[in-house]
Amino acid sequence: AVLEAMNFPAYKKGTAIMLMAHGTPDPSNAYYSVIQN
């Protein structure tokens, strides 16, 4: 739901979007792997 709500910009071929998250030493950091999946 959150990823579908995000405003990803249009771009030309050969471009990648990098999302900067905060990160945490807590085990919940694994959420970022879920997001990538």
ModelCIF file with pLDDT and N, C-alpha, C, O atoms, coordinates in Angstrom:
data_MODEL
#
_entry.id   MODEL 
#
_entity.id                         1 
_entity.type                       polymer 
_entity.pdbx_number_of_molecules   1 
#
_entity_poly.entity_id                      1 
_entity_poly.type                           'polypeptide(L)' 
_entity_poly.nstd_linkage                   no 
_entity_poly.nstd_monomer                   no 
_entity_poly.pdbx_seq_one_letter_code       AVLEAMNFPAYKKGTAIMLMAHGTPDPSNAYYSVIQN 
_entity_poly.pdbx_seq_one_letter_code_can   AVLEAMNFPAYKKGTAIMLMAHGTPDPSNAYYSVIQN 
_entity_poly.pdbx_strand_id                 A 
#
loop_
_entity_poly_seq.entity_id 
_entity_poly_seq.num 
_entity_poly_seq.mon_id 
_entity_poly_seq.hetero 
1 1  ALA n 
1 2  VAL n 
1 3  LEU n 
1 4  GLU n 
1 5  ALA n 
1 6  MET n 
1 7  ASN n 
1 8  PHE n 
1 9  PRO n 
1 10 ALA n 
1 11 TYR n 
1 12 LYS n 
1 13 LYS n 
1 14 GLY n 
1 15 THR n 
1 16 ALA n 
1 17 ILE n 
1 18 MET n 
1 19 LEU n 
1 20 MET n 
1 21 ALA n 
1 22 HIS n 
1 23 GLY n 
1 24 THR n 
1 25 PRO n 
1 26 ASP n 
1 27 PRO n 
1 28 SER n 
1 29 ASN n 
1 30 ALA n 
1 31 TYR n 
1 32 TYR n 
1 33 SER n 
1 34 VAL n 
1 35 ILE n 
1 36 GLN n 
1 37 ASN n 
#
_struct_asym.id          A 
_struct_asym.entity_id   1 
#
loop_
_ma_qa_metric.id 
_ma_qa_metric.mode 
_ma_qa_metric.name 
_ma_qa_metric.software_group_id 
_ma_qa_metric.type 
1 global pLDDT . pLDDT 
2 local  pLDDT . pLDDT 
#
_ma_qa_metric_global.metric_id      1 
_ma_qa_metric_global.metric_value   94.46 
_ma_qa_metric_global.model_id       1 
_ma_qa_metric_global.ordinal_id     1 
#
loop_
_ma_qa_metric_local.label_asym_id 
_ma_qa_metric_local.label_comp_id 
_ma_qa_metric_local.label_seq_id 
_ma_qa_metric_local.metric_id 
_ma_qa_metric_local.metric_value 
_ma_qa_metric_local.model_id 
_ma_qa_metric_local.ordinal_id 
A ALA 1  2 98.00 1 1  
A VAL 2  2 98.00 1 2  
A LEU 3  2 98.00 1 3  
A GLU 4  2 97.00 1 4  
A ALA 5  2 97.00 1 5  
A MET 6  2 96.00 1 6  
A ASN 7  2 87.00 1 7  
A PHE 8  2 93.00 1 8  
A PRO 9  2 90.00 1 9  
A ALA 10 2 87.00 1 10 
A TYR 11 2 88.00 1 11 
A LYS 12 2 84.00 1 12 
A LYS 13 2 86.00 1 13 
A GLY 14 2 89.00 1 14 
A THR 15 2 95.00 1 15 
A ALA 16 2 97.00 1 16 
A ILE 17 2 97.00 1 17 
A MET 18 2 98.00 1 18 
A LEU 19 2 98.00 1 19 
A MET 20 2 98.00 1 20 
A ALA 21 2 97.00 1 21 
A HIS 22 2 96.00 1 22 
A GLY 23 2 94.00 1 23 
A THR 24 2 91.00 1 24 
A PRO 25 2 91.00 1 25 
A ASP 26 2 93.00 1 26 
A PRO 27 2 95.00 1 27 
A SER 28 2 96.00 1 28 
A ASN 29 2 96.00 1 29 
A ALA 30 2 96.00 1 30 
A TYR 31 2 97.00 1 31 
A TYR 32 2 97.00 1 32 
A SER 33 2 97.00 1 33 
A VAL 34 2 97.00 1 34 
A ILE 35 2 97.00 1 35 
A GLN 36 2 97.00 1 36 
A ASN 37 2 97.00 1 37 
#
loop_
_atom_site.group_PDB 
_atom_site.id 
_atom_site.type_symbol 
_atom_site.label_atom_id 
_atom_site.label_alt_id 
_atom_site.label_comp_id 
_atom_site.label_asym_id 
_atom_site.label_entity_id 
_atom_site.label_seq_id 
_atom_site.pdbx_PDB_ins_code 
_atom_site.Cartn_x 
_atom_site.Cartn_y 
_atom_site.Cartn_z 
_atom_site.occupancy 
_atom_site.B_iso_or_equiv 
_atom_site.pdbx_formal_charge 
_atom_site.auth_seq_id 
_atom_site.auth_comp_id 
_atom_site.auth_asym_id 
_atom_site.auth_atom_id 
_atom_site.pdbx_PDB_model_num 
ATOM 1   N N  . ALA A 1 1  ? 0.829  -1.211 0.000   1.00 98.00 ? 1  ALA A N  1 
ATOM 2   C CA . ALA A 1 1  ? 0.000  0.000  0.000   1.00 98.00 ? 1  ALA A CA 1 
ATOM 3   C C  . ALA A 1 1  ? 0.861  1.258  0.000   1.00 98.00 ? 1  ALA A C  1 
ATOM 4   O O  . ALA A 1 1  ? 0.568  2.213  -0.719  1.00 98.00 ? 1  ALA A O  1 
ATOM 5   N N  . VAL A 1 2  ? 1.922  1.263  0.804   1.00 98.00 ? 2  VAL A N  1 
ATOM 6   C CA . VAL A 1 2  ? 2.798  2.435  0.870   1.00 98.00 ? 2  VAL A CA 1 
ATOM 7   C C  . VAL A 1 2  ? 3.581  2.600  -0.427  1.00 98.00 ? 2  VAL A C  1 
ATOM 8   O O  . VAL A 1 2  ? 3.701  3.712  -0.942  1.00 98.00 ? 2  VAL A O  1 
ATOM 9   N N  . LEU A 1 3  ? 4.115  1.504  -0.958  1.00 98.00 ? 3  LEU A N  1 
ATOM 10  C CA . LEU A 1 3  ? 4.881  1.597  -2.201  1.00 98.00 ? 3  LEU A CA 1 
ATOM 11  C C  . LEU A 1 3  ? 4.008  2.066  -3.357  1.00 98.00 ? 3  LEU A C  1 
ATOM 12  O O  . LEU A 1 3  ? 4.456  2.850  -4.192  1.00 98.00 ? 3  LEU A O  1 
ATOM 13  N N  . GLU A 1 4  ? 2.773  1.597  -3.414  1.00 97.00 ? 4  GLU A N  1 
ATOM 14  C CA . GLU A 1 4  ? 1.860  2.035  -4.473  1.00 97.00 ? 4  GLU A CA 1 
ATOM 15  C C  . GLU A 1 4  ? 1.486  3.505  -4.314  1.00 97.00 ? 4  GLU A C  1 
ATOM 16  O O  . GLU A 1 4  ? 1.146  4.173  -5.291  1.00 97.00 ? 4  GLU A O  1 
ATOM 17  N N  . ALA A 1 5  ? 1.549  4.010  -3.080  1.00 97.00 ? 5  ALA A N  1 
ATOM 18  C CA . ALA A 1 5  ? 1.195  5.413  -2.833  1.00 97.00 ? 5  ALA A CA 1 
ATOM 19  C C  . ALA A 1 5  ? 2.340  6.375  -3.121  1.00 97.00 ? 5  ALA A C  1 
ATOM 20  O O  . ALA A 1 5  ? 2.119  7.577  -3.261  1.00 97.00 ? 5  ALA A O  1 
ATOM 21  N N  . MET A 1 6  ? 3.557  5.859  -3.211  1.00 96.00 ? 6  MET A N  1 
ATOM 22  C CA . MET A 1 6  ? 4.712  6.733  -3.390  1.00 96.00 ? 6  MET A CA 1 
ATOM 23  C C  . MET A 1 6  ? 4.766  7.311  -4.806  1.00 96.00 ? 6  MET A C  1 
ATOM 24  O O  . MET A 1 6  ? 4.371  6.673  -5.781  1.00 96.00 ? 6  MET A O  1 
ATOM 25  N N  . ASN A 1 7  ? 5.267  8.533  -4.874  1.00 87.00 ? 7  ASN A N  1 
ATOM 26  C CA . ASN A 1 7  ? 5.353  9.239  -6.155  1.00 87.00 ? 7  ASN A CA 1 
ATOM 27  C C  . ASN A 1 7  ? 6.713  8.976  -6.806  1.00 87.00 ? 7  ASN A C  1 
ATOM 28  O O  . ASN A 1 7  ? 7.630  9.789  -6.687  1.00 87.00 ? 7  ASN A O  1 
ATOM 29  N N  . PHE A 1 8  ? 6.837  7.854  -7.483  1.00 93.00 ? 8  PHE A N  1 
ATOM 30  C CA . PHE A 1 8  ? 8.084  7.577  -8.183  1.00 93.00 ? 8  PHE A CA 1 
ATOM 31  C C  . PHE A 1 8  ? 8.129  8.385  -9.473  1.00 93.00 ? 8  PHE A C  1 
ATOM 32  O O  . PHE A 1 8  ? 7.181  8.336  -10.257 1.00 93.00 ? 8  PHE A O  1 
ATOM 33  N N  . PRO A 1 9  ? 9.199  9.120  -9.707  1.00 90.00 ? 9  PRO A N  1 
ATOM 34  C CA . PRO A 1 9  ? 9.275  9.973  -10.898 1.00 90.00 ? 9  PRO A CA 1 
ATOM 35  C C  . PRO A 1 9  ? 9.505  9.168  -12.175 1.00 90.00 ? 9  PRO A C  1 
ATOM 36  O O  . PRO A 1 9  ? 10.020 8.050  -12.144 1.00 90.00 ? 9  PRO A O  1 
ATOM 37  N N  . ALA A 1 10 ? 9.115  9.758  -13.278 1.00 87.00 ? 10 ALA A N  1 
ATOM 38  C CA . ALA A 1 10 ? 9.423  9.163  -14.585 1.00 87.00 ? 10 ALA A CA 1 
ATOM 39  C C  . ALA A 1 10 ? 10.891 9.419  -14.893 1.00 87.00 ? 10 ALA A C  1 
ATOM 40  O O  . ALA A 1 10 ? 11.470 10.386 -14.399 1.00 87.00 ? 10 ALA A O  1 
ATOM 41  N N  . TYR A 1 11 ? 11.492 8.563  -15.703 1.00 88.00 ? 11 TYR A N  1 
ATOM 42  C CA . TYR A 1 11 ? 12.908 8.695  -15.996 1.00 88.00 ? 11 TYR A CA 1 
ATOM 43  C C  . TYR A 1 11 ? 13.238 7.975  -17.294 1.00 88.00 ? 11 TYR A C  1 
ATOM 44  O O  . TYR A 1 11 ? 12.425 7.222  -17.831 1.00 88.00 ? 11 TYR A O  1 
ATOM 45  N N  . LYS A 1 12 ? 14.442 8.222  -17.785 1.00 84.00 ? 12 LYS A N  1 
ATOM 46  C CA . LYS A 1 12 ? 14.872 7.573  -19.014 1.00 84.00 ? 12 LYS A CA 1 
ATOM 47  C C  . LYS A 1 12 ? 15.579 6.258  -18.721 1.00 84.00 ? 12 LYS A C  1 
ATOM 48  O O  . LYS A 1 12 ? 15.966 5.990  -17.584 1.00 84.00 ? 12 LYS A O  1 
ATOM 49  N N  . LYS A 1 13 ? 15.743 5.443  -19.750 1.00 86.00 ? 13 LYS A N  1 
ATOM 50  C CA . LYS A 1 13 ? 16.369 4.132  -19.611 1.00 86.00 ? 13 LYS A CA 1 
ATOM 51  C C  . LYS A 1 13 ? 17.785 4.264  -19.034 1.00 86.00 ? 13 LYS A C  1 
ATOM 52  O O  . LYS A 1 13 ? 18.510 5.214  -19.328 1.00 86.00 ? 13 LYS A O  1 
ATOM 53  N N  . GLY A 1 14 ? 18.150 3.285  -18.208 1.00 89.00 ? 14 GLY A N  1 
ATOM 54  C CA . GLY A 1 14 ? 19.469 3.309  -17.588 1.00 89.00 ? 14 GLY A CA 1 
ATOM 55  C C  . GLY A 1 14 ? 19.490 4.051  -16.273 1.00 89.00 ? 14 GLY A C  1 
ATOM 56  O O  . GLY A 1 14 ? 20.556 4.421  -15.780 1.00 89.00 ? 14 GLY A O  1 
ATOM 57  N N  . THR A 1 15 ? 18.296 4.275  -15.689 1.00 95.00 ? 15 THR A N  1 
ATOM 58  C CA . THR A 1 15 ? 18.165 5.014  -14.433 1.00 95.00 ? 15 THR A CA 1 
ATOM 59  C C  . THR A 1 15 ? 17.624 4.098  -13.340 1.00 95.00 ? 15 THR A C  1 
ATOM 60  O O  . THR A 1 15 ? 16.785 3.236  -13.600 1.00 95.00 ? 15 THR A O  1 
ATOM 61  N N  . ALA A 1 16 ? 18.106 4.290  -12.129 1.00 97.00 ? 16 ALA A N  1 
ATOM 62  C CA . ALA A 1 16 ? 17.579 3.580  -10.964 1.00 97.00 ? 16 ALA A CA 1 
ATOM 63  C C  . ALA A 1 16 ? 17.150 4.596  -9.905  1.00 97.00 ? 16 ALA A C  1 
ATOM 64  O O  . ALA A 1 16 ? 17.749 5.663  -9.777  1.00 97.00 ? 16 ALA A O  1 
ATOM 65  N N  . ILE A 1 17 ? 16.118 4.255  -9.158  1.00 97.00 ? 17 ILE A N  1 
ATOM 66  C CA . ILE A 1 17 ? 15.675 5.072  -8.036  1.00 97.00 ? 17 ILE A CA 1 
ATOM 67  C C  . ILE A 1 17 ? 16.210 4.434  -6.758  1.00 97.00 ? 17 ILE A C  1 
ATOM 68  O O  . ILE A 1 17 ? 16.037 3.236  -6.535  1.00 97.00 ? 17 ILE A O  1 
ATOM 69  N N  . MET A 1 18 ? 16.857 5.237  -5.926  1.00 98.00 ? 18 MET A N  1 
ATOM 70  C CA . MET A 1 18 ? 17.353 4.751  -4.646  1.00 98.00 ? 18 MET A CA 1 
ATOM 71  C C  . MET A 1 18 ? 16.592 5.437  -3.520  1.00 98.00 ? 18 MET A C  1 
ATOM 72  O O  . MET A 1 18 ? 16.614 6.662  -3.400  1.00 98.00 ? 18 MET A O  1 
ATOM 73  N N  . LEU A 1 19 ? 15.918 4.637  -2.696  1.00 98.00 ? 19 LEU A N  1 
ATOM 74  C CA . LEU A 1 19 ? 15.130 5.139  -1.574  1.00 98.00 ? 19 LEU A CA 1 
ATOM 75  C C  . LEU A 1 19 ? 15.979 5.102  -0.313  1.00 98.00 ? 19 LEU A C  1 
ATOM 76  O O  . LEU A 1 19 ? 16.428 4.037  0.108   1.00 98.00 ? 19 LEU A O  1 
ATOM 77  N N  . MET A 1 20 ? 16.194 6.250  0.281   1.00 98.00 ? 20 MET A N  1 
ATOM 78  C CA . MET A 1 20 ? 16.978 6.318  1.508   1.00 98.00 ? 20 MET A CA 1 
ATOM 79  C C  . MET A 1 20 ? 16.064 6.145  2.715   1.00 98.00 ? 20 MET A C  1 
ATOM 80  O O  . MET A 1 20 ? 15.237 7.010  3.004   1.00 98.00 ? 20 MET A O  1 
ATOM 81  N N  . ALA A 1 21 ? 16.217 5.020  3.421   1.00 97.00 ? 21 ALA A N  1 
ATOM 82  C CA . ALA A 1 21 ? 15.515 4.787  4.674   1.00 97.00 ? 21 ALA A CA 1 
ATOM 83  C C  . ALA A 1 21 ? 16.457 5.063  5.836   1.00 97.00 ? 21 ALA A C  1 
ATOM 84  O O  . ALA A 1 21 ? 17.658 5.244  5.635   1.00 97.00 ? 21 ALA A O  1 
ATOM 85  N N  . HIS A 1 22 ? 15.925 5.096  7.036   1.00 96.00 ? 22 HIS A N  1 
ATOM 86  C CA . HIS A 1 22 ? 16.766 5.439  8.182   1.00 96.00 ? 22 HIS A CA 1 
ATOM 87  C C  . HIS A 1 22 ? 17.677 4.294  8.582   1.00 96.00 ? 22 HIS A C  1 
ATOM 88  O O  . HIS A 1 22 ? 18.883 4.486  8.741   1.00 96.00 ? 22 HIS A O  1 
ATOM 89  N N  . GLY A 1 23 ? 17.113 3.102  8.748   1.00 94.00 ? 23 GLY A N  1 
ATOM 90  C CA . GLY A 1 23 ? 17.901 1.984  9.255   1.00 94.00 ? 23 GLY A CA 1 
ATOM 91  C C  . GLY A 1 23 ? 17.921 1.975  10.768  1.00 94.00 ? 23 GLY A C  1 
ATOM 92  O O  . GLY A 1 23 ? 17.739 3.011  11.407  1.00 94.00 ? 23 GLY A O  1 
ATOM 93  N N  . THR A 1 24 ? 18.142 0.804  11.339  1.00 91.00 ? 24 THR A N  1 
ATOM 94  C CA . THR A 1 24 ? 18.117 0.671  12.795  1.00 91.00 ? 24 THR A CA 1 
ATOM 95  C C  . THR A 1 24 ? 18.919 -0.550 13.214  1.00 91.00 ? 24 THR A C  1 
ATOM 96  O O  . THR A 1 24 ? 18.972 -1.529 12.469  1.00 91.00 ? 24 THR A O  1 
ATOM 97  N N  . PRO A 1 25 ? 19.549 -0.521 14.392  1.00 91.00 ? 25 PRO A N  1 
ATOM 98  C CA . PRO A 1 25 ? 20.219 -1.717 14.904  1.00 91.00 ? 25 PRO A CA 1 
ATOM 99  C C  . PRO A 1 25 ? 19.222 -2.762 15.404  1.00 91.00 ? 25 PRO A C  1 
ATOM 100 O O  . PRO A 1 25 ? 19.598 -3.896 15.704  1.00 91.00 ? 25 PRO A O  1 
ATOM 101 N N  . ASP A 1 26 ? 17.965 -2.377 15.491  1.00 93.00 ? 26 ASP A N  1 
ATOM 102 C CA . ASP A 1 26 ? 16.909 -3.288 15.940  1.00 93.00 ? 26 ASP A CA 1 
ATOM 103 C C  . ASP A 1 26 ? 16.641 -4.348 14.868  1.00 93.00 ? 26 ASP A C  1 
ATOM 104 O O  . ASP A 1 26 ? 16.822 -4.074 13.682  1.00 93.00 ? 26 ASP A O  1 
ATOM 105 N N  . PRO A 1 27 ? 16.209 -5.561 15.265  1.00 95.00 ? 27 PRO A N  1 
ATOM 106 C CA . PRO A 1 27 ? 15.890 -6.589 14.267  1.00 95.00 ? 27 PRO A CA 1 
ATOM 107 C C  . PRO A 1 27 ? 14.838 -6.164 13.244  1.00 95.00 ? 27 PRO A C  1 
ATOM 108 O O  . PRO A 1 27 ? 14.729 -6.774 12.180  1.00 95.00 ? 27 PRO A O  1 
ATOM 109 N N  . SER A 1 28 ? 14.065 -5.125 13.555  1.00 96.00 ? 28 SER A N  1 
ATOM 110 C CA . SER A 1 28 ? 13.069 -4.638 12.603  1.00 96.00 ? 28 SER A CA 1 
ATOM 111 C C  . SER A 1 28 ? 13.707 -4.084 11.342  1.00 96.00 ? 28 SER A C  1 
ATOM 112 O O  . SER A 1 28 ? 13.001 -3.784 10.379  1.00 96.00 ? 28 SER A O  1 
ATOM 113 N N  . ASN A 1 29 ? 15.029 -3.939 11.325  1.00 96.00 ? 29 ASN A N  1 
ATOM 114 C CA . ASN A 1 29 ? 15.719 -3.541 10.094  1.00 96.00 ? 29 ASN A CA 1 
ATOM 115 C C  . ASN A 1 29 ? 15.387 -4.504 8.949   1.00 96.00 ? 29 ASN A C  1 
ATOM 116 O O  . ASN A 1 29 ? 15.503 -4.140 7.779   1.00 96.00 ? 29 ASN A O  1 
ATOM 117 N N  . ALA A 1 30 ? 14.972 -5.734 9.287   1.00 96.00 ? 30 ALA A N  1 
ATOM 118 C CA . ALA A 1 30 ? 14.598 -6.728 8.277   1.00 96.00 ? 30 ALA A CA 1 
ATOM 119 C C  . ALA A 1 30 ? 13.408 -6.269 7.435   1.00 96.00 ? 30 ALA A C  1 
ATOM 120 O O  . ALA A 1 30 ? 13.186 -6.811 6.352   1.00 96.00 ? 30 ALA A O  1 
ATOM 121 N N  . TYR A 1 31 ? 12.641 -5.287 7.904   1.00 97.00 ? 31 TYR A N  1 
ATOM 122 C CA . TYR A 1 31 ? 11.536 -4.761 7.098   1.00 97.00 ? 31 TYR A CA 1 
ATOM 123 C C  . TYR A 1 31 ? 12.031 -4.250 5.751   1.00 97.00 ? 31 TYR A C  1 
ATOM 124 O O  . TYR A 1 31 ? 11.300 -4.302 4.762   1.00 97.00 ? 31 TYR A O  1 
ATOM 125 N N  . TYR A 1 32 ? 13.267 -3.756 5.705   1.00 97.00 ? 32 TYR A N  1 
ATOM 126 C CA . TYR A 1 32 ? 13.775 -3.220 4.449   1.00 97.00 ? 32 TYR A CA 1 
ATOM 127 C C  . TYR A 1 32 ? 13.968 -4.321 3.410   1.00 97.00 ? 32 TYR A C  1 
ATOM 128 O O  . TYR A 1 32 ? 13.814 -4.083 2.212   1.00 97.00 ? 32 TYR A O  1 
ATOM 129 N N  . SER A 1 33 ? 14.299 -5.507 3.864   1.00 97.00 ? 33 SER A N  1 
ATOM 130 C CA . SER A 1 33 ? 14.374 -6.641 2.942   1.00 97.00 ? 33 SER A CA 1 
ATOM 131 C C  . SER A 1 33 ? 12.988 -6.999 2.427   1.00 97.00 ? 33 SER A C  1 
ATOM 132 O O  . SER A 1 33 ? 12.821 -7.345 1.258   1.00 97.00 ? 33 SER A O  1 
ATOM 133 N N  . VAL A 1 34 ? 11.995 -6.913 3.305   1.00 97.00 ? 34 VAL A N  1 
ATOM 134 C CA . VAL A 1 34 ? 10.609 -7.173 2.889   1.00 97.00 ? 34 VAL A CA 1 
ATOM 135 C C  . VAL A 1 34 ? 10.173 -6.140 1.852   1.00 97.00 ? 34 VAL A C  1 
ATOM 136 O O  . VAL A 1 34 ? 9.533  -6.480 0.857   1.00 97.00 ? 34 VAL A O  1 
ATOM 137 N N  . ILE A 1 35 ? 10.523 -4.886 2.091   1.00 97.00 ? 35 ILE A N  1 
ATOM 138 C CA . ILE A 1 35 ? 10.166 -3.822 1.149   1.00 97.00 ? 35 ILE A CA 1 
ATOM 139 C C  . ILE A 1 35 ? 10.806 -4.073 -0.208  1.00 97.00 ? 35 ILE A C  1 
ATOM 140 O O  . ILE A 1 35 ? 10.157 -3.931 -1.244  1.00 97.00 ? 35 ILE A O  1 
ATOM 141 N N  . GLN A 1 36 ? 12.097 -4.451 -0.197  1.00 97.00 ? 36 GLN A N  1 
ATOM 142 C CA . GLN A 1 36 ? 12.779 -4.724 -1.468  1.00 97.00 ? 36 GLN A CA 1 
ATOM 143 C C  . GLN A 1 36 ? 12.140 -5.903 -2.195  1.00 97.00 ? 36 GLN A C  1 
ATOM 144 O O  . GLN A 1 36 ? 12.003 -5.885 -3.418  1.00 97.00 ? 36 GLN A O  1 
ATOM 145 N N  . ASN A 1 37 ? 11.751 -6.920 -1.441  1.00 97.00 ? 37 ASN A N  1 
ATOM 146 C CA . ASN A 1 37 ? 11.098 -8.079 -2.057  1.00 97.00 ? 37 ASN A CA 1 
ATOM 147 C C  . ASN A 1 37 ? 9.749  -7.701 -2.661  1.00 97.00 ? 37 ASN A C  1 
ATOM 148 O O  . ASN A 1 37 ? 9.061  -8.555 -3.221  1.00 97.00 ? 37 ASN A O  1 
#
